[in-house]
Amino acid sequence: MNAQTVPQILRCFTMSGYTARVVDRRLETEGLQPLAGPLPASIKANRDELIAFLNEWADGVWPPAPGSGLREAQQILGCGLATALDAVEAALKRHAA
C-alpha cells in the first residue's frame, strides 16, 4: 500500500471534519475527536511535504485561509475546493516532471 498524497490527506481531513495548522514548523490537528495514538503512516511519511504545502498554498491552515493560493485558484477556476486541489496537484506534478 502506497502512502497517501498530500491532497488525499487533506481530503481525509475535510471529510472527517478535522482542521490543521502549522505552528512552529509542526503540524497540529483538531477535530471532533483527537487523533488517538500515533499519526497514520501516510501522514508521518508526508509530514514535511504536508507542512510545506499548507504553508505555500493554504497560508498554513486547513481548510485554506481566504486569500491563500488555493482559495485564489478556486476563485479563478470557479469551482469547489476539491477541484481546485486537483488542479494545483496536477500543476505541481507537471512542474516536477
Protein backbone atom coordinates (compact mmCIF):
# COMPACT_ATOMS: atom_id res chain seq x y z
CA MET A 1 0.00 0.00 0.00
CA ASN A 2 1.40 3.39 -1.01
CA ALA A 3 1.42 6.41 1.28
CA GLN A 4 -1.32 8.91 0.60
CA THR A 5 -0.51 12.08 -1.29
CA VAL A 6 -0.88 15.45 0.40
CA PRO A 7 -4.18 16.19 -1.43
CA GLN A 8 -5.53 12.79 -0.35
CA ILE A 9 -4.61 13.51 3.27
CA LEU A 10 -6.26 16.94 3.08
CA ARG A 11 -9.41 15.40 1.59
CA CYS A 12 -9.50 12.95 4.51
CA PHE A 13 -9.16 15.84 6.95
CA THR A 14 -12.07 17.60 5.26
CA MET A 15 -14.31 14.54 5.15
CA SER A 16 -13.57 13.73 8.80
CA GLY A 17 -14.12 17.29 9.99
CA TYR A 18 -10.50 17.91 11.01
CA THR A 19 -8.63 21.15 10.72
CA ALA A 20 -4.87 21.53 10.62
CA ARG A 21 -2.40 24.30 11.14
CA VAL A 22 1.32 24.74 11.08
CA VAL A 23 2.72 26.12 14.33
CA ASP A 24 6.48 26.47 14.77
CA ARG A 25 7.11 24.07 11.85
CA ARG A 26 4.88 21.43 13.50
CA LEU A 27 1.57 20.09 12.27
CA GLU A 28 -1.32 20.47 14.71
CA THR A 29 -4.68 18.87 14.01
CA GLU A 30 -8.04 19.36 15.66
CA GLY A 31 -11.33 17.59 15.20
CA LEU A 32 -14.36 16.17 16.92
CA GLN A 33 -12.10 13.54 18.43
CA PRO A 34 -8.36 13.82 18.96
CA LEU A 35 -6.28 11.65 16.69
CA ALA A 36 -5.61 8.76 19.05
CA GLY A 37 -2.19 7.17 19.14
CA PRO A 38 0.48 7.81 16.57
CA LEU A 39 -0.36 9.58 13.35
CA PRO A 40 -1.18 7.26 10.45
CA ALA A 41 1.91 6.23 8.49
CA SER A 42 0.78 8.21 5.43
CA ILE A 43 0.74 11.45 7.41
CA LYS A 44 4.06 10.68 9.10
CA ALA A 45 5.72 9.84 5.77
CA ASN A 46 4.49 13.07 4.19
CA ARG A 47 4.61 15.39 7.22
CA ASP A 48 7.27 17.75 5.79
CA GLU A 49 5.55 17.77 2.40
CA LEU A 50 2.18 18.41 4.06
CA ILE A 51 3.58 21.29 6.11
CA ALA A 52 5.25 22.78 3.02
CA PHE A 53 2.00 22.52 1.02
CA LEU A 54 -0.05 24.12 3.80
CA ASN A 55 2.44 26.96 4.13
CA GLU A 56 2.69 27.58 0.38
CA TRP A 57 -0.90 27.06 -0.76
CA ALA A 58 -3.18 27.45 2.28
CA ASP A 59 -1.44 30.08 4.45
CA GLY A 60 -0.51 27.41 6.98
CA VAL A 61 -4.02 26.19 7.78
CA TRP A 62 -6.59 23.66 6.59
CA PRO A 63 -9.19 24.44 5.38
CA PRO A 64 -7.24 27.03 3.41
CA ALA A 65 -7.38 30.62 4.55
CA PRO A 66 -9.24 33.24 2.50
CA GLY A 67 -6.79 34.85 0.10
CA SER A 68 -4.46 31.83 0.10
CA GLY A 69 -3.13 30.45 -3.16
CA LEU A 70 -5.56 27.56 -3.09
CA ARG A 71 -8.55 29.87 -2.50
CA GLU A 72 -7.34 32.08 -5.34
CA ALA A 73 -7.12 29.03 -7.62
CA GLN A 74 -10.64 28.08 -6.55
CA GLN A 75 -11.90 31.56 -7.39
CA ILE A 76 -10.10 31.73 -10.74
CA LEU A 77 -11.39 28.30 -11.77
CA GLY A 78 -14.89 28.99 -10.43
CA CYS A 79 -15.04 25.60 -8.75
CA GLY A 80 -15.14 23.88 -5.40
CA LEU A 81 -12.18 23.30 -3.14
CA ALA A 82 -11.73 19.66 -4.20
CA THR A 83 -11.43 20.62 -7.87
CA ALA A 84 -9.03 23.45 -7.07
CA LEU A 85 -6.94 20.98 -5.06
CA ASP A 86 -6.93 18.61 -8.05
CA ALA A 87 -5.80 21.44 -10.35
CA VAL A 88 -2.98 22.51 -8.02
CA GLU A 89 -1.86 18.89 -7.60
CA ALA A 90 -1.79 18.40 -11.38
CA ALA A 91 0.16 21.64 -11.88
CA LEU A 92 2.70 20.64 -9.23
CA LYS A 93 3.15 17.21 -10.85
CA ARG A 94 3.71 18.82 -14.27
CA HIS A 95 6.21 21.24 -12.77
CA ALA A 96 8.12 18.43 -11.02
CA ALA A 97 8.36 16.33 -14.22
